[in-house]
């Protein structure tokens, strides 16, 4: 069905369309001819409009559509820079085109700007030298960035119609922010297109120097995105989705069914527990189905590595992000199965170093905070309280924070979830509860984002003297965003977040903690805020993810 002109028709372009198109996309085929492209495109989207002014070819096109039971709109007219009629050549079958003078016949013509479309996801233009007229009639759409991708044919040495040339077409496209690429199906990437590099070739004009990616994100099934209260990873995924979509990417998500994050494609996990074997099987199959339906450019997983297992041998690019301890033979196996198609990230260099001995390529990309949401407080009163904000458990050091505050005669506000298992309840009863509502120590329970913003901004310092190797700890960056110094310990990723003596203090003993509290006046709150903006803002971190996406796709 797709053989024409004695060879396979435009195979690289066909493979691009297979990866790029989504069922709801609007596709315009100008110069549809007998329907080679229309038949292929209709496999992937149900919204196709085909323009073909040649009466004979338009009839063949309609017959093809009817024969294949497709719902394609056929417009038997030309597309140019005028509404009315234009001259059209006849007798050349598949090479007929608009002519400037002495046309063999007149055909109806429309401007794309006046056709009533607000968005075109893919525009194919094959009009035998009249490309400049089509684009001139679509300047409103082009200037409004309402056409995502345009496929044009460039013919070296072909006649120059209407006083135009390939260079004039290129200048018009560049004026509206488009650049030319070709798609490599073997490498699954876009490469720069140079006019004149081939005698006959198609180019993809893509707006704003960037290819819109279709990214499929996954997160564990226990907590919705965004989380209501606790849920650091889910909060990161929510922010990542918002920023990627703001930059024009299409984003899909597999997550807890109660998730309310705005995405372009969503599937709720069927299995509710990430550690339950039966649920792992259900979710692995759900991811497979989602990939086939959404057809992403790449998969970015914050969920279990096991969910990716059947996809690892496939060519599709995959990123596995670790927010906790990394390592083990499962990473070595995944690296061998995935080869160059899989990359790993750690939320800190500390985590990335754990994973590297097990194989594959690891990149450290930190977690981020919304620096627009967290308000910078340049100063607080001298009697501002210390704040502990984390889960109330031993490894987070709530008991040490209480002891430091009492010894320093400073008020302390504790906020966070209580741990309900037996060890956690015993810890609460023996080391936390006896000190509450005494000597300025207060517990206010879990806090939502707005309450957290107020709490951190009003604190003299956030004191979380951890007793474990923290993979990252988003709350530390949130405190910095408010301008609040941090007092913690030099374990895990903390030395990557806090420069000792500049954004707070990293204590190695109880005595150093007491000294740190006494030296808080040395810390400039503006430096804390600058640290958050330069290292942990959403824009800065998503730049790093985009760079990784590009690198992985180009290497594939």
Protein backbone atom coordinates (compact mmCIF):
# COMPACT_ATOMS: atom_id res chain seq x y z
CA UNK A 1 0.00 0.00 0.00
CA UNK A 2 2.87 2.39 0.70
CA UNK A 3 4.96 1.69 -2.39
CA UNK A 4 5.09 4.54 -4.90
CA UNK A 5 7.48 5.83 -7.54
CA UNK A 6 9.18 2.39 -7.48
CA UNK A 7 10.57 2.79 -3.95
CA UNK A 8 9.44 2.93 -0.34
CA UNK A 9 7.99 6.41 0.12
CA UNK A 10 9.83 8.78 2.53
CA UNK A 11 10.62 6.10 5.09
CA UNK A 12 12.49 8.33 7.63
CA UNK A 13 9.55 10.74 7.63
CA UNK A 14 7.11 7.86 8.13
CA UNK A 15 9.07 6.64 11.16
CA UNK A 16 9.14 10.16 12.58
CA UNK A 17 5.36 10.38 12.28
CA UNK A 18 4.97 7.00 13.95
CA UNK A 19 6.90 8.22 17.00
CA UNK A 20 5.62 11.78 17.05
CA UNK A 21 1.89 11.70 16.38
CA UNK A 22 -0.79 11.28 19.01
CA UNK A 23 -4.40 10.31 18.29
CA UNK A 24 -5.82 13.75 19.14
CA UNK A 25 -3.28 15.65 17.00
CA UNK A 26 -4.39 17.77 14.06
CA UNK A 27 -2.51 17.01 10.83
CA UNK A 28 -2.76 18.98 7.58
CA UNK A 29 -1.52 17.36 4.34
CA UNK A 30 -1.16 20.00 1.62
CA UNK A 31 -0.53 18.37 -1.72
CA UNK A 32 -1.94 15.05 -0.53
CA UNK A 33 -1.89 13.59 -4.05
CA UNK A 34 -3.35 10.07 -4.05
CA UNK A 35 -2.98 9.64 -0.30
CA UNK A 36 0.36 7.97 0.45
CA UNK A 37 0.89 10.09 3.56
CA UNK A 38 -2.79 10.23 4.47
CA UNK A 39 -3.03 6.46 4.79
CA UNK A 40 0.04 6.29 7.03
CA UNK A 41 -0.85 9.28 9.19
CA UNK A 42 -4.36 7.92 9.78
CA UNK A 43 -2.83 4.99 11.65
CA UNK A 44 -1.82 7.39 14.43
CA UNK A 45 -4.30 10.25 14.53
CA UNK A 46 -8.00 10.64 13.81
CA UNK A 47 -7.91 14.31 12.80
CA UNK A 48 -6.49 14.61 9.27
CA UNK A 49 -7.35 17.24 6.65
CA UNK A 50 -6.03 16.62 3.13
CA UNK A 51 -5.82 19.34 0.45
CA UNK A 52 -5.57 18.20 -3.19
CA UNK A 53 -6.60 20.53 -6.04
CA UNK A 54 -5.94 18.15 -8.94
CA UNK A 55 -9.34 16.65 -9.82
CA UNK A 56 -7.96 13.25 -10.86
CA UNK A 57 -5.74 12.84 -7.82
CA UNK A 58 -8.46 14.12 -5.48
CA UNK A 59 -10.78 11.41 -6.80
CA UNK A 60 -8.12 8.73 -6.27
CA UNK A 61 -7.48 10.13 -2.78
CA UNK A 62 -11.16 9.88 -1.85
CA UNK A 63 -11.30 6.33 -3.18
CA UNK A 64 -8.31 5.37 -1.01
CA UNK A 65 -10.00 6.91 2.04
CA UNK A 66 -13.29 5.13 1.38
CA UNK A 67 -11.56 1.82 0.68
CA UNK A 68 -9.76 1.99 4.04
CA UNK A 69 -12.81 3.31 5.93
CA UNK A 70 -10.98 6.42 7.17
CA UNK A 71 -12.47 9.62 8.54
CA UNK A 72 -10.34 12.12 6.63
CA UNK A 73 -11.59 15.51 5.45
CA UNK A 74 -10.69 16.04 1.77
CA UNK A 75 -10.56 19.62 0.50
CA UNK A 76 -10.45 19.75 -3.32
CA UNK A 77 -8.65 23.06 -3.43
CA UNK A 78 -5.21 24.60 -3.32
CA UNK A 79 -3.58 26.35 -0.35
CA UNK A 80 -1.80 29.62 -1.04
CA UNK A 81 -1.62 33.25 0.09
CA UNK A 82 -5.03 34.22 -1.35
CA UNK A 83 -8.65 33.25 -0.87
CA UNK A 84 -10.21 32.88 -4.30
CA UNK A 85 -8.77 31.12 -7.34
CA UNK A 86 -5.27 30.38 -8.63
CA UNK A 87 -3.95 29.00 -11.88
CA UNK A 88 -3.11 25.30 -11.88
CA UNK A 89 -1.20 23.15 -14.35
CA UNK A 90 -2.69 19.98 -15.82
CA UNK A 91 -1.51 16.89 -17.62
CA UNK A 92 1.47 16.05 -15.40
CA UNK A 93 -0.43 13.74 -13.08
CA UNK A 94 1.51 13.68 -9.81
CA UNK A 95 3.60 16.79 -10.60
CA UNK A 96 0.83 19.34 -11.19
CA UNK A 97 1.20 22.61 -9.30
CA UNK A 98 0.07 26.19 -8.94
CA UNK A 99 1.31 28.41 -11.77
CA UNK A 100 1.69 32.18 -11.81
CA UNK A 101 0.52 32.87 -15.35
CA UNK A 102 -1.37 31.06 -18.11
CA UNK A 103 -2.72 28.30 -15.90
CA UNK A 104 -4.35 25.44 -17.73
CA UNK A 105 -7.28 25.70 -15.29
CA UNK A 106 -8.41 27.71 -12.29
CA UNK A 107 -8.85 26.04 -8.91
CA UNK A 108 -10.22 27.31 -5.63
CA UNK A 109 -7.58 28.52 -3.17
CA UNK A 110 -7.66 29.12 0.60
CA UNK A 111 -5.30 30.65 3.14
CA UNK A 112 -4.53 28.50 6.18
CA UNK A 113 -4.90 31.59 8.39
CA UNK A 114 -8.55 31.83 7.30
CA UNK A 115 -9.39 28.13 7.42
CA UNK A 116 -10.43 28.22 11.09
CA UNK A 117 -7.68 26.20 12.75
CA UNK A 118 -6.14 27.30 16.03
CA UNK A 119 -3.47 24.58 16.32
CA UNK A 120 -1.70 22.34 13.82
CA UNK A 121 0.53 19.65 15.28
CA UNK A 122 1.99 18.53 11.95
CA UNK A 123 1.83 20.33 8.61
CA UNK A 124 3.04 18.57 5.45
CA UNK A 125 3.65 20.84 2.47
CA UNK A 126 4.39 19.20 -0.90
CA UNK A 127 3.38 21.77 -3.54
CA UNK A 128 6.11 21.60 -6.18
CA UNK A 129 7.71 24.99 -5.62
CA UNK A 130 4.75 26.95 -4.22
CA UNK A 131 5.83 26.50 -0.57
CA UNK A 132 6.37 30.24 -0.13
CA UNK A 133 2.70 30.90 -0.98
CA UNK A 134 1.47 28.36 1.57
CA UNK A 135 3.63 29.87 4.30
CA UNK A 136 2.67 33.45 3.40
CA UNK A 137 -0.95 32.44 3.82
CA UNK A 138 -0.21 31.03 7.28
CA UNK A 139 1.78 33.90 8.83
CA UNK A 140 -0.73 34.40 11.65
CA UNK A 141 -0.44 30.75 12.65
CA UNK A 142 3.35 30.84 12.32
CA UNK A 143 3.82 34.07 14.25
CA UNK A 144 1.54 32.74 17.01
CA UNK A 145 3.58 29.51 17.16
CA UNK A 146 0.43 27.52 16.43
CA UNK A 147 2.16 25.11 14.03
CA UNK A 148 4.46 22.68 15.81
CA UNK A 149 6.22 20.86 12.95
CA UNK A 150 6.25 21.60 9.21
CA UNK A 151 7.55 19.11 6.65
CA UNK A 152 8.76 20.70 3.42
CA UNK A 153 10.41 19.37 0.29
CA UNK A 154 13.62 21.00 -0.93
CA UNK A 155 14.75 20.24 -4.50
CA UNK A 156 18.25 21.35 -5.46
CA UNK A 157 18.18 22.87 -8.94
CA UNK A 158 14.40 22.79 -9.29
CA UNK A 159 12.63 25.76 -10.96
CA UNK A 160 12.14 28.86 -8.82
CA UNK A 161 8.47 29.82 -8.89
CA UNK A 162 6.89 33.12 -7.81
CA UNK A 163 10.28 34.82 -7.49
CA UNK A 164 11.11 32.61 -4.51
CA UNK A 165 13.80 30.07 -3.71
CA UNK A 166 14.69 27.60 -1.00
CA UNK A 167 16.57 30.41 0.74
CA UNK A 168 13.50 32.68 0.80
CA UNK A 169 11.45 29.88 2.36
CA UNK A 170 14.18 29.39 4.95
CA UNK A 171 14.29 33.12 5.75
CA UNK A 172 10.54 33.23 6.32
CA UNK A 173 10.71 30.22 8.63
CA UNK A 174 13.66 31.66 10.56
CA UNK A 175 11.77 34.93 10.96
CA UNK A 176 9.11 33.03 12.88
CA UNK A 177 11.57 31.06 15.00
CA UNK A 178 11.78 27.77 13.09
CA UNK A 179 14.90 25.69 12.41
CA UNK A 180 15.37 22.83 9.95
CA UNK A 181 16.05 19.24 10.93
CA UNK A 182 15.97 15.76 9.48
CA UNK A 183 14.97 12.68 11.44
CA UNK A 184 17.28 9.68 11.71
CA UNK A 185 15.15 6.58 12.38
CA UNK A 186 18.17 4.38 13.10
CA UNK A 187 19.45 6.78 15.77
CA UNK A 188 16.00 8.04 16.81
CA UNK A 189 17.12 11.65 16.83
CA UNK A 190 16.92 14.91 14.92
CA UNK A 191 19.95 16.19 13.02
CA UNK A 192 20.52 19.62 11.54
CA UNK A 193 19.41 20.04 7.92
CA UNK A 194 21.53 21.96 5.44
CA UNK A 195 19.90 23.18 2.22
CA UNK A 196 21.76 21.78 -0.77
CA UNK A 197 23.17 18.78 1.09
CA UNK A 198 20.97 16.48 -1.02
CA UNK A 199 19.47 16.89 -4.48
CA UNK A 200 16.04 15.98 -3.15
CA UNK A 201 15.18 15.87 0.53
CA UNK A 202 12.50 16.63 3.07
CA UNK A 203 13.14 18.84 6.06
CA UNK A 204 11.28 19.26 9.35
CA UNK A 205 10.85 22.89 10.41
CA UNK A 206 10.48 22.92 14.19
CA UNK A 207 9.69 25.97 16.25
CA UNK A 208 11.99 27.61 18.80
CA UNK A 209 15.16 25.57 18.33
CA UNK A 210 13.74 22.68 20.31
CA UNK A 211 11.90 19.48 19.61
CA UNK A 212 8.80 18.95 21.69
CA UNK A 213 9.33 15.69 23.55
CA UNK A 214 6.69 13.26 24.70
CA UNK A 215 7.83 12.20 28.16
CA UNK A 216 6.23 9.43 30.20
CA UNK A 217 6.85 9.75 33.95
CA UNK A 218 6.22 7.09 36.56
CA UNK A 219 6.11 7.28 40.35
CA UNK A 220 5.34 4.67 43.02
CA UNK A 221 1.64 3.91 43.57
CA UNK A 222 1.26 4.70 47.27
CA UNK A 223 0.96 8.51 47.26
CA UNK A 224 -0.90 10.76 44.76
CA UNK A 225 0.75 13.48 42.70
CA UNK A 226 0.82 16.11 44.10
CA UNK A 227 0.80 14.82 47.68
CA UNK A 228 -1.65 16.22 50.20
CA UNK A 229 0.94 16.41 52.99
CA UNK A 230 4.06 14.21 53.12
CA UNK A 231 5.50 12.98 49.84
CA UNK A 232 8.84 14.39 48.75
CA UNK A 233 9.25 12.38 45.53
CA UNK A 234 5.66 13.02 44.48
CA UNK A 235 6.16 16.75 45.04
CA UNK A 236 9.26 16.68 42.83
CA UNK A 237 7.41 14.82 40.07
CA UNK A 238 4.53 17.31 40.25
CA UNK A 239 6.92 20.25 39.85
CA UNK A 240 8.83 18.50 37.06
CA UNK A 241 5.60 17.92 35.14
CA UNK A 242 4.50 21.54 35.53
CA UNK A 243 7.81 22.88 34.25
CA UNK A 244 8.14 20.42 31.35
CA UNK A 245 4.63 21.26 30.16
CA UNK A 246 5.33 24.99 30.54
CA UNK A 247 8.26 24.47 28.17
CA UNK A 248 5.98 22.85 25.60
CA UNK A 249 6.69 19.16 26.17
CA UNK A 250 3.86 16.63 26.27
CA UNK A 251 3.88 14.68 29.52
CA UNK A 252 2.22 11.43 30.54
CA UNK A 253 2.05 10.06 34.06
CA UNK A 254 1.49 6.69 35.74
CA UNK A 255 0.78 7.22 39.42
CA UNK A 256 -1.68 6.74 42.26
CA UNK A 257 -5.24 6.90 40.79
CA UNK A 258 -6.10 9.82 43.11
CA UNK A 259 -3.46 12.04 41.49
CA UNK A 260 -4.71 15.46 40.39
CA UNK A 261 -1.65 16.72 38.53
CA UNK A 262 -2.52 18.19 35.10
CA UNK A 263 -0.93 16.03 32.36
CA UNK A 264 -1.52 15.17 28.70
CA UNK A 265 -1.95 11.45 29.40
CA UNK A 266 -2.70 9.67 32.66
CA UNK A 267 -2.96 6.07 33.86
CA UNK A 268 -3.66 5.15 37.47
CA UNK A 269 -1.68 2.18 38.72
CA UNK A 270 -3.76 -0.99 39.13
CA UNK A 271 -1.54 -2.26 41.95
CA UNK A 272 -1.53 -0.13 45.10
CA UNK A 273 1.62 -1.48 46.79
CA UNK A 274 5.07 -1.15 45.24
CA UNK A 275 6.49 -3.99 47.36
CA UNK A 276 3.72 -6.52 46.65
CA UNK A 277 4.67 -9.02 43.93
CA UNK A 278 1.18 -9.31 42.42
CA UNK A 279 0.89 -5.52 42.22
CA UNK A 280 4.34 -5.30 40.62
CA UNK A 281 3.14 -7.58 37.80
CA UNK A 282 -0.05 -5.53 37.34
CA UNK A 283 1.88 -2.27 37.20
CA UNK A 284 4.54 -3.62 34.86
CA UNK A 285 1.82 -4.62 32.39
CA UNK A 286 0.10 -1.25 32.84
CA UNK A 287 3.33 0.53 31.92
CA UNK A 288 3.71 -1.63 28.81
CA UNK A 289 0.20 -0.73 27.67
CA UNK A 290 0.79 2.95 28.40
CA UNK A 291 3.97 3.00 26.30
CA UNK A 292 2.14 1.46 23.35
CA UNK A 293 -0.73 3.94 23.68
CA UNK A 294 1.18 7.17 24.48
CA UNK A 295 4.26 6.37 22.35
CA UNK A 296 6.68 8.51 24.39
CA UNK A 297 10.05 9.81 23.22
CA UNK A 298 11.44 8.56 26.52
CA UNK A 299 10.38 7.07 29.85
CA UNK A 300 11.50 8.76 33.07
CA UNK A 301 10.88 6.52 36.05
CA UNK A 302 10.76 7.53 39.70
CA UNK A 303 9.03 4.22 40.44
CA UNK A 304 10.37 0.68 40.82
CA UNK A 305 13.07 -0.44 38.42
CA UNK A 306 11.21 -3.74 38.03
CA UNK A 307 8.38 -1.97 36.17
CA UNK A 308 10.87 -1.21 33.37
CA UNK A 309 12.09 -4.80 32.97
CA UNK A 310 10.19 -5.76 29.77
CA UNK A 311 11.07 -2.38 28.23
CA UNK A 312 14.81 -2.51 28.88
CA UNK A 313 15.74 -4.36 25.64
CA UNK A 314 13.64 -1.94 23.58
CA UNK A 315 15.31 0.98 21.84
CA UNK A 316 13.14 3.59 23.57
CA UNK A 317 15.19 5.82 25.87
CA UNK A 318 14.76 5.24 29.60
CA UNK A 319 15.88 7.13 32.71
CA UNK A 320 15.70 5.61 36.17
CA UNK A 321 15.90 8.22 38.95
CA UNK A 322 16.85 7.21 42.48
CA UNK A 323 15.74 9.28 45.46
CA UNK A 324 17.12 6.82 47.99
CA UNK A 325 19.97 4.34 48.37
CA UNK A 326 21.09 2.85 45.05
CA UNK A 327 23.07 -0.23 44.13
CA UNK A 328 22.69 -3.97 43.74
CA UNK A 329 22.67 -6.61 41.04
CA UNK A 330 19.34 -5.39 39.66
CA UNK A 331 21.12 -2.26 38.38
CA UNK A 332 23.86 -4.35 36.79
CA UNK A 333 21.24 -6.52 35.05
CA UNK A 334 19.28 -3.46 33.91
CA UNK A 335 22.46 -1.88 32.55
CA UNK A 336 23.26 -4.96 30.48
CA UNK A 337 19.70 -5.33 29.16
CA UNK A 338 19.23 -1.64 28.41
CA UNK A 339 22.67 -0.80 27.09
CA UNK A 340 22.86 2.73 25.75
CA UNK A 341 19.11 3.18 26.00
CA UNK A 342 19.10 3.47 29.80
CA UNK A 343 20.60 6.07 32.14
CA UNK A 344 20.44 6.46 35.91
CA UNK A 345 20.23 9.56 38.03
CA UNK A 346 20.70 10.12 41.73
CA UNK A 347 19.18 13.02 43.64
CA UNK A 348 22.69 13.81 44.89
CA UNK A 349 26.28 12.96 44.12
CA UNK A 350 26.19 10.84 47.26
CA UNK A 351 23.50 8.60 45.71
CA UNK A 352 25.13 8.58 42.26
CA UNK A 353 28.41 7.39 43.78
CA UNK A 354 26.56 4.49 45.37
CA UNK A 355 25.18 3.40 42.01
CA UNK A 356 28.19 3.81 39.74
CA UNK A 357 30.06 0.63 40.81
CA UNK A 358 27.05 -1.39 39.62
CA UNK A 359 27.25 -0.19 36.04
CA UNK A 360 25.70 2.16 33.49
CA UNK A 361 26.07 5.92 33.41
CA UNK A 362 24.99 7.93 36.45
CA UNK A 363 24.25 11.64 36.66
CA UNK A 364 23.66 13.57 39.87
CA UNK A 365 20.66 15.88 39.50
CA UNK A 366 19.43 17.45 42.73
CA UNK A 367 15.85 17.85 43.85
CA UNK A 368 14.34 21.29 43.50
CA UNK A 369 12.00 23.71 45.18
CA UNK A 370 9.54 26.22 43.81
CA UNK A 371 11.40 29.44 44.57
CA UNK A 372 8.39 31.43 43.37
CA UNK A 373 6.22 29.77 46.02
CA UNK A 374 8.62 29.88 48.96
CA UNK A 375 8.86 33.48 50.08
CA UNK A 376 12.22 34.98 50.96
CA UNK A 377 12.19 36.51 54.45
CA UNK A 378 15.23 38.83 54.65
CA UNK A 379 15.00 39.24 58.43
CA UNK A 380 13.29 37.73 61.46
CA UNK A 381 12.95 39.01 65.06
CA UNK A 382 15.78 38.29 67.48
CA UNK A 383 13.51 35.96 69.44
CA UNK A 384 12.42 34.01 66.33
CA UNK A 385 12.08 30.29 67.09
CA UNK A 386 14.15 27.40 65.87
CA UNK A 387 12.17 24.94 63.74
CA UNK A 388 12.41 21.18 63.31
CA UNK A 389 10.52 20.08 60.19
CA UNK A 390 10.69 16.41 59.26
CA UNK A 391 9.30 13.02 60.28
CA UNK A 392 9.39 12.61 64.04
CA UNK A 393 11.80 9.69 64.27
CA UNK A 394 15.24 9.04 65.64
CA UNK A 395 17.16 9.16 62.36
CA UNK A 396 15.90 12.71 61.77
CA UNK A 397 17.22 13.85 65.14
CA UNK A 398 14.14 15.43 66.71
CA UNK A 399 15.40 14.52 70.20
CA UNK A 400 18.72 16.25 69.53
CA UNK A 401 16.92 19.34 68.26
CA UNK A 402 14.99 19.46 71.54
CA UNK A 403 18.17 19.09 73.59
CA UNK A 404 19.95 21.82 71.59
CA UNK A 405 17.04 24.23 71.97
CA UNK A 406 16.73 23.64 75.72
CA UNK A 407 20.48 24.03 76.26
CA UNK A 408 20.50 27.25 74.22
CA UNK A 409 17.31 28.54 75.86
CA UNK A 410 15.64 28.99 72.48
CA UNK A 411 12.05 28.29 71.49
CA UNK A 412 11.59 25.25 69.27
CA UNK A 413 8.64 24.38 67.04
CA UNK A 414 8.49 20.74 65.90
CA UNK A 415 6.40 19.92 62.83
CA UNK A 416 6.01 16.68 60.91
CA UNK A 417 4.36 13.29 60.85
CA UNK A 418 4.61 10.95 63.79
CA UNK A 419 5.85 7.45 62.91
CA UNK A 420 3.24 4.83 63.81
CA UNK A 421 5.28 1.60 63.97
CA UNK A 422 6.25 0.22 67.39
CA UNK A 423 9.75 1.69 67.46
CA UNK A 424 8.47 5.08 66.34
CA UNK A 425 5.72 5.15 68.96
CA UNK A 426 8.20 4.19 71.68
CA UNK A 427 10.53 6.98 70.50
CA UNK A 428 7.69 9.49 70.70
CA UNK A 429 6.61 8.42 74.19
CA UNK A 430 10.09 8.39 75.74
CA UNK A 431 12.11 11.08 73.93
CA UNK A 432 9.68 13.60 72.50
CA UNK A 433 6.39 13.77 74.39
CA UNK A 434 7.91 14.33 77.87
CA UNK A 435 9.46 17.62 76.71
CA UNK A 436 6.49 19.13 74.90
CA UNK A 437 4.92 22.35 76.16
CA UNK A 438 7.88 22.93 78.44
CA UNK A 439 10.75 25.40 78.09
CA UNK A 440 9.40 26.69 74.79
CA UNK A 441 9.20 23.30 72.99
CA UNK A 442 5.98 22.93 70.95
CA UNK A 443 4.68 20.30 68.53
CA UNK A 444 2.18 21.47 65.86
CA UNK A 445 1.78 18.24 63.85
CA UNK A 446 2.00 17.84 60.06
CA UNK A 447 1.87 21.02 57.97
CA UNK A 448 0.70 21.70 54.43
CA UNK A 449 2.67 23.76 51.92
CA UNK A 450 1.25 27.13 52.95
CA UNK A 451 1.87 26.42 56.62
CA UNK A 452 5.39 25.22 55.80
CA UNK A 453 6.09 28.44 53.93
CA UNK A 454 5.06 30.55 56.92
CA UNK A 455 6.85 28.30 59.42
CA UNK A 456 10.20 28.22 57.65
CA UNK A 457 10.13 31.90 56.78
CA UNK A 458 9.57 32.90 60.42
CA UNK A 459 12.37 30.69 61.82
CA UNK A 460 15.78 31.79 63.01
CA UNK A 461 17.07 28.45 61.71
CA UNK A 462 15.87 25.00 60.76
CA UNK A 463 17.51 22.45 63.05
CA UNK A 464 17.37 18.85 61.76
CA UNK A 465 20.45 17.05 63.16
CA UNK A 466 20.17 13.84 61.14
CA UNK A 467 21.53 10.50 62.32
CA UNK A 468 21.53 8.80 58.93
CA UNK A 469 22.91 9.40 55.45
CA UNK A 470 20.23 11.64 53.95
CA UNK A 471 19.86 11.01 50.17
CA UNK A 472 18.89 14.66 49.69
CA UNK A 473 16.20 16.09 51.95
CA UNK A 474 14.04 18.56 50.05
CA UNK A 475 13.12 20.42 53.23
CA UNK A 476 16.69 21.70 53.53
CA UNK A 477 16.42 23.41 50.13
CA UNK A 478 12.97 24.73 51.06
CA UNK A 479 14.43 26.36 54.16
CA UNK A 480 17.16 28.00 52.08
CA UNK A 481 14.54 29.32 49.65
CA UNK A 482 12.94 31.17 52.58
CA UNK A 483 16.35 32.55 53.54
CA UNK A 484 16.47 30.34 56.63
CA UNK A 485 19.86 28.91 57.71
CA UNK A 486 20.11 25.16 58.29
CA UNK A 487 21.78 23.35 61.18
CA UNK A 488 22.33 19.67 60.47
CA UNK A 489 25.12 17.08 60.24
CA UNK A 490 27.68 16.39 57.47
CA UNK A 491 26.10 13.09 56.41
CA UNK A 492 24.78 11.90 53.07
CA UNK A 493 23.97 14.77 50.71
CA UNK A 494 24.02 17.55 53.31
CA UNK A 495 27.51 18.82 52.33
CA UNK A 496 26.17 19.21 48.76
CA UNK A 497 23.28 21.37 49.97
CA UNK A 498 24.83 23.41 52.77
CA UNK A 499 28.22 25.09 52.69
CA UNK A 500 29.31 25.03 56.31
CA UNK A 501 29.47 28.55 57.70
CA UNK A 502 27.83 30.11 54.65
CA UNK A 503 24.28 28.72 54.52
CA UNK A 504 24.20 27.30 58.03
CA UNK A 505 26.31 24.84 59.97
CA UNK A 506 27.09 21.13 59.79
CA UNK A 507 27.64 19.94 63.37
CA UNK A 508 29.82 16.97 64.26
CA UNK A 509 28.97 16.98 67.96
CA UNK A 510 26.39 18.32 70.37
CA UNK A 511 28.83 21.05 71.41
CA UNK A 512 29.22 22.16 67.78
CA UNK A 513 25.42 22.33 67.56
CA UNK A 514 25.29 24.68 70.56
CA UNK A 515 28.01 26.81 68.99
CA UNK A 516 26.15 26.86 65.65
CA UNK A 517 23.04 28.29 67.30
CA UNK A 518 25.11 31.00 68.94
CA UNK A 519 26.64 31.95 65.57
CA UNK A 520 23.42 32.23 63.53
CA UNK A 521 23.84 36.01 63.26
CA UNK A 522 26.90 35.35 61.02
CA UNK A 523 24.76 33.76 58.32
CA UNK A 524 23.34 36.11 55.70
CA UNK A 525 19.80 35.10 54.84
CA UNK A 526 20.30 36.55 51.35
CA UNK A 527 23.10 34.01 50.75
CA UNK A 528 20.77 31.19 51.74
CA UNK A 529 18.18 32.40 49.24
CA UNK A 530 20.84 32.79 46.52
CA UNK A 531 21.95 29.21 47.11
CA UNK A 532 18.40 27.97 46.55
CA UNK A 533 17.94 30.04 43.39
CA UNK A 534 21.26 29.09 41.80
CA UNK A 535 21.35 25.40 42.69
CA UNK A 536 17.87 24.15 43.61
CA UNK A 537 15.30 26.21 41.73
CA UNK A 538 12.90 24.33 39.51
CA UNK A 539 14.12 26.07 36.36
CA UNK A 540 17.79 25.27 37.03
CA UNK A 541 17.17 21.59 37.81
CA UNK A 542 14.75 21.00 34.90
CA UNK A 543 17.42 22.48 32.62
CA UNK A 544 19.63 19.61 33.79
CA UNK A 545 16.93 17.04 33.09
CA UNK A 546 16.34 18.49 29.61
CA UNK A 547 20.06 18.29 28.90
CA UNK A 548 20.07 14.66 29.99
CA UNK A 549 17.02 13.91 27.83
CA UNK A 550 18.75 15.44 24.81
CA UNK A 551 22.00 13.61 25.49
CA UNK A 552 20.28 10.25 25.86
CA UNK A 553 18.15 10.67 22.74
CA UNK A 554 21.14 11.81 20.68
CA UNK A 555 23.23 8.88 21.90
CA UNK A 556 20.49 6.36 21.13
